[in-house]
Amino acid sequence: MNRMNIFTGLRGGRFSALVALIALGLLLTASGAKAGGCGVSTSKVAVATPAPFVSPHGGNLQLGEDFLGHTIVGLWHVNYTAEAESGAPIFPPAPFAFLESFKTWHADGTEFENAFLAPAGGNICFGVWKEVGGGHVKLHHIGLMFDATTGAISNTFTVDEKDSVGSNGQTYTGTFDFKLWPPSFAAIGVGIPIAEVTGTIAATRITVD
């Protein structure tokens, strides 16, 4: 199935899909709302010139000196591959291309992601990250999904990642755990999620030249 349109196979059921990034190329919710998705792009965008900064998690670091000699801070093109899924039957059988996106990791410990889907569905998400040792970072990411008809929040979702930058500083790989929750912040992390997908991540740095 084309990764730019991973949920095409779900059309005609309780869910329909727009897809192309996450969280995200995502999925449709039990209410029929559309989840995120991401698309590929080969365009190159600026990454901040290395400069001193203070780690938000303690200790003085220099950009480019935290993970195997390279930082995760910057702009990336990311592909998510689902390896397993459970809960509500809203995904195709694993493995499948789950999401494609543009993701920015900031030196202050925050993260921003833009999925390739219609903004009305909820294509912008945010997260927080920290270093966890051994050349790895841990990310907790959160987003909203909206009903395509009413515009009301239909679901929330979380994505938890553990990633590490490659030795060349131009790629990173990792794992993710996507969980779909009811449309309330208070419901996030409470009980069993509506649906869950776990899998792997492969990202390529976007540079000026």
Protein backbone atom coordinates (compact mmCIF):
# COMPACT_ATOMS: atom_id res chain seq x y z
CA MET A 1 0.00 0.00 0.00
CA ASN A 2 1.35 3.39 -0.90
CA ARG A 3 2.76 5.01 2.24
CA MET A 4 1.38 8.36 1.14
CA ASN A 5 -2.11 6.91 1.40
CA ILE A 6 -1.89 4.18 4.03
CA PHE A 7 -5.46 4.31 5.14
CA THR A 8 -7.10 4.10 1.75
CA GLY A 9 -8.04 0.53 2.58
CA LEU A 10 -10.15 1.72 5.50
CA ARG A 11 -12.55 3.74 3.36
CA GLY A 12 -16.11 2.51 3.40
CA GLY A 13 -15.92 1.39 7.06
CA ARG A 14 -16.55 3.31 10.24
CA PHE A 15 -13.39 5.24 9.52
CA SER A 16 -12.06 7.07 6.53
CA ALA A 17 -8.59 8.28 6.00
CA LEU A 18 -6.67 11.21 4.56
CA VAL A 19 -3.11 10.33 4.50
CA ALA A 20 0.16 11.08 3.49
CA LEU A 21 3.41 11.90 8.09
CA ILE A 22 1.88 10.68 12.18
CA ALA A 23 1.18 10.75 14.03
CA LEU A 24 0.67 11.33 11.97
CA GLY A 25 -0.61 9.48 8.29
CA LEU A 26 -2.60 8.49 11.19
CA LEU A 27 -5.91 6.73 11.49
CA LEU A 28 -9.59 7.31 11.77
CA THR A 29 -11.29 7.33 15.06
CA ALA A 30 -14.28 5.42 16.31
CA SER A 31 -16.33 8.54 15.78
CA GLY A 32 -15.37 8.71 12.13
CA ALA A 33 -12.89 11.57 12.56
CA LYS A 34 -9.70 11.55 10.56
CA ALA A 35 -6.34 10.98 12.11
CA GLY A 36 -3.03 12.31 11.03
CA GLY A 37 -0.70 11.22 8.27
CA CYS A 38 2.50 12.41 6.66
CA GLY A 39 3.94 12.85 3.22
CA VAL A 40 7.44 12.67 1.82
CA SER A 41 9.30 15.69 0.57
CA THR A 42 12.81 16.04 -0.77
CA SER A 43 13.00 19.80 -0.26
CA LYS A 44 15.76 21.00 2.03
CA VAL A 45 15.08 23.38 4.88
CA ALA A 46 17.43 25.23 7.22
CA VAL A 47 18.83 23.68 10.37
CA ALA A 48 20.23 25.96 13.04
CA THR A 49 23.98 26.60 12.87
CA PRO A 50 25.73 24.84 15.78
CA ALA A 51 25.88 27.10 18.81
CA PRO A 52 26.29 26.64 22.57
CA PHE A 53 23.19 25.89 24.60
CA VAL A 54 22.30 24.66 28.07
CA SER A 55 20.55 21.32 28.17
CA PRO A 56 17.03 21.60 29.61
CA HIS A 57 17.77 18.38 31.47
CA GLY A 58 20.95 19.42 33.21
CA GLY A 59 24.59 19.79 32.21
CA ASN A 60 26.20 22.08 29.67
CA LEU A 61 26.14 20.71 26.12
CA GLN A 62 27.26 21.94 22.74
CA LEU A 63 25.06 21.32 19.72
CA GLY A 64 26.50 18.35 17.88
CA GLU A 65 28.13 16.85 20.97
CA ASP A 66 25.39 15.01 22.81
CA PHE A 67 24.55 11.81 20.88
CA LEU A 68 27.52 9.90 19.49
CA GLY A 69 28.94 13.29 18.56
CA HIS A 70 25.70 14.50 16.95
CA THR A 71 22.57 16.18 18.28
CA ILE A 72 18.98 15.34 17.44
CA VAL A 73 18.16 19.06 17.50
CA GLY A 74 17.03 20.19 14.05
CA LEU A 75 14.52 19.42 11.31
CA TRP A 76 13.87 15.86 10.10
CA HIS A 77 11.84 13.89 7.54
CA VAL A 78 10.38 10.94 9.45
CA ASN A 79 8.79 7.63 8.43
CA TYR A 80 6.94 5.41 10.92
CA THR A 81 6.39 1.70 10.23
CA ALA A 82 3.80 -0.19 12.28
CA GLU A 83 4.92 -3.62 13.47
CA ALA A 84 1.99 -4.52 15.75
CA GLU A 85 -1.48 -3.16 16.57
CA SER A 86 -4.26 -3.87 19.03
CA GLY A 87 -7.61 -2.50 20.20
CA ALA A 88 -10.30 -1.17 17.89
CA PRO A 89 -9.99 -2.63 14.34
CA ILE A 90 -9.11 0.63 12.62
CA PHE A 91 -5.74 -0.28 11.15
CA PRO A 92 -4.68 -2.56 8.32
CA PRO A 93 -2.79 -5.71 9.34
CA ALA A 94 0.77 -5.02 10.50
CA PRO A 95 3.34 -4.39 9.21
CA PHE A 96 2.29 -1.29 7.29
CA ALA A 97 3.47 2.27 6.63
CA PHE A 98 1.94 4.14 9.57
CA LEU A 99 2.97 7.74 9.13
CA GLU A 100 5.22 10.22 7.44
CA SER A 101 5.99 13.68 8.78
CA PHE A 102 8.30 16.63 9.29
CA LYS A 103 9.56 16.84 12.87
CA THR A 104 11.54 19.58 14.62
CA TRP A 105 13.48 18.85 17.82
CA HIS A 106 14.26 22.01 19.81
CA ALA A 107 17.23 22.49 22.15
CA ASP A 108 14.87 23.56 24.96
CA GLY A 109 13.42 20.04 25.23
CA THR A 110 10.28 20.60 23.15
CA GLU A 111 9.31 19.05 19.80
CA PHE A 112 6.95 19.95 16.94
CA GLU A 113 5.54 17.71 14.22
CA ASN A 114 3.55 18.47 11.06
CA ALA A 115 1.63 15.62 9.44
CA PHE A 116 0.70 15.53 5.80
CA LEU A 117 -3.08 15.66 6.07
CA ALA A 118 -5.82 18.24 5.98
CA PRO A 119 -5.50 20.72 8.87
CA ALA A 120 -9.17 20.19 9.71
CA GLY A 121 -8.33 16.66 10.81
CA GLY A 122 -5.61 17.73 13.25
CA ASN A 123 -2.20 17.64 11.59
CA ILE A 124 -0.14 19.58 14.13
CA CYS A 125 1.25 17.94 17.28
CA PHE A 126 3.72 18.74 20.04
CA GLY A 127 5.96 16.90 22.47
CA VAL A 128 8.64 17.07 25.13
CA TRP A 129 11.92 15.12 25.18
CA LYS A 130 14.92 14.36 27.32
CA GLU A 131 18.21 12.50 27.14
CA VAL A 132 18.16 9.05 28.72
CA GLY A 133 21.79 7.96 28.25
CA GLY A 134 23.53 5.62 25.89
CA GLY A 135 23.04 7.99 22.97
CA HIS A 136 19.24 7.85 23.28
CA VAL A 137 16.46 10.39 23.73
CA LYS A 138 12.96 9.79 25.05
CA LEU A 139 9.96 11.66 23.62
CA HIS A 140 6.39 12.05 24.88
CA HIS A 141 4.16 13.46 22.15
CA ILE A 142 0.50 14.50 22.24
CA GLY A 143 -2.08 15.53 19.67
CA LEU A 144 -5.76 16.12 18.93
CA MET A 145 -8.14 14.75 16.30
CA PHE A 146 -11.25 16.55 15.10
CA ASP A 147 -14.60 15.48 13.74
CA ALA A 148 -14.63 16.37 10.05
CA THR A 149 -18.28 17.45 10.18
CA THR A 150 -18.68 19.30 13.48
CA GLY A 151 -15.10 20.39 14.13
CA ALA A 152 -15.35 19.10 17.71
CA ILE A 153 -12.46 17.17 19.28
CA SER A 154 -13.13 13.50 18.55
CA ASN A 155 -10.06 11.91 20.14
CA THR A 156 -6.67 12.58 21.68
CA PHE A 157 -3.55 10.52 21.09
CA THR A 158 -0.07 10.07 22.51
CA VAL A 159 3.14 8.84 20.91
CA ASP A 160 6.08 7.72 23.03
CA GLU A 161 9.43 7.28 21.32
CA LYS A 162 13.00 6.23 22.09
CA ASP A 163 15.42 7.40 19.39
CA SER A 164 19.15 7.65 18.72
CA VAL A 165 21.11 9.66 16.17
CA GLY A 166 23.35 7.78 13.73
CA SER A 167 27.12 8.13 13.73
CA ASN A 168 26.97 10.43 10.69
CA GLY A 169 24.54 12.83 12.38
CA GLN A 170 22.24 12.76 9.34
CA THR A 171 19.85 9.99 10.38
CA TYR A 172 18.15 8.66 13.46
CA THR A 173 16.25 5.46 14.21
CA GLY A 174 13.99 4.41 17.03
CA THR A 175 10.76 2.85 18.22
CA PHE A 176 7.32 4.34 18.83
CA ASP A 177 4.15 3.50 20.77
CA PHE A 178 1.01 5.26 19.51
CA LYS A 179 -2.11 5.22 21.72
CA LEU A 180 -5.56 6.55 20.89
CA TRP A 181 -7.63 8.04 23.76
CA PRO A 182 -11.09 9.57 24.29
CA PRO A 183 -11.54 13.32 23.56
CA SER A 184 -10.49 14.58 26.99
CA PHE A 185 -7.07 15.49 28.37
CA ALA A 186 -8.11 13.92 31.68
CA ALA A 187 -8.62 10.57 29.91
CA ILE A 188 -5.09 10.36 28.53
CA GLY A 189 -3.18 7.52 30.15
CA VAL A 190 -6.20 6.29 32.10
CA GLY A 191 -7.13 2.66 31.58
CA ILE A 192 -6.73 0.86 28.27
CA PRO A 193 -6.40 2.95 25.09
CA ILE A 194 -8.99 2.66 22.34
CA ALA A 195 -6.28 1.44 19.97
CA GLU A 196 -2.50 1.05 20.06
CA VAL A 197 0.21 0.71 17.43
CA THR A 198 3.89 0.02 18.02
CA GLY A 199 6.68 0.07 15.48
CA THR A 200 9.92 1.52 14.21
CA ILE A 201 11.11 4.95 13.08
CA ALA A 202 13.60 6.03 10.41
CA ALA A 203 14.44 9.72 9.97
CA THR A 204 16.69 11.79 7.70
CA ARG A 205 17.96 15.25 8.60
CA ILE A 206 16.81 18.16 6.41
CA THR A 207 19.65 20.62 5.77
CA VAL A 208 20.18 23.94 4.06
CA ASP A 209 22.38 22.54 1.27
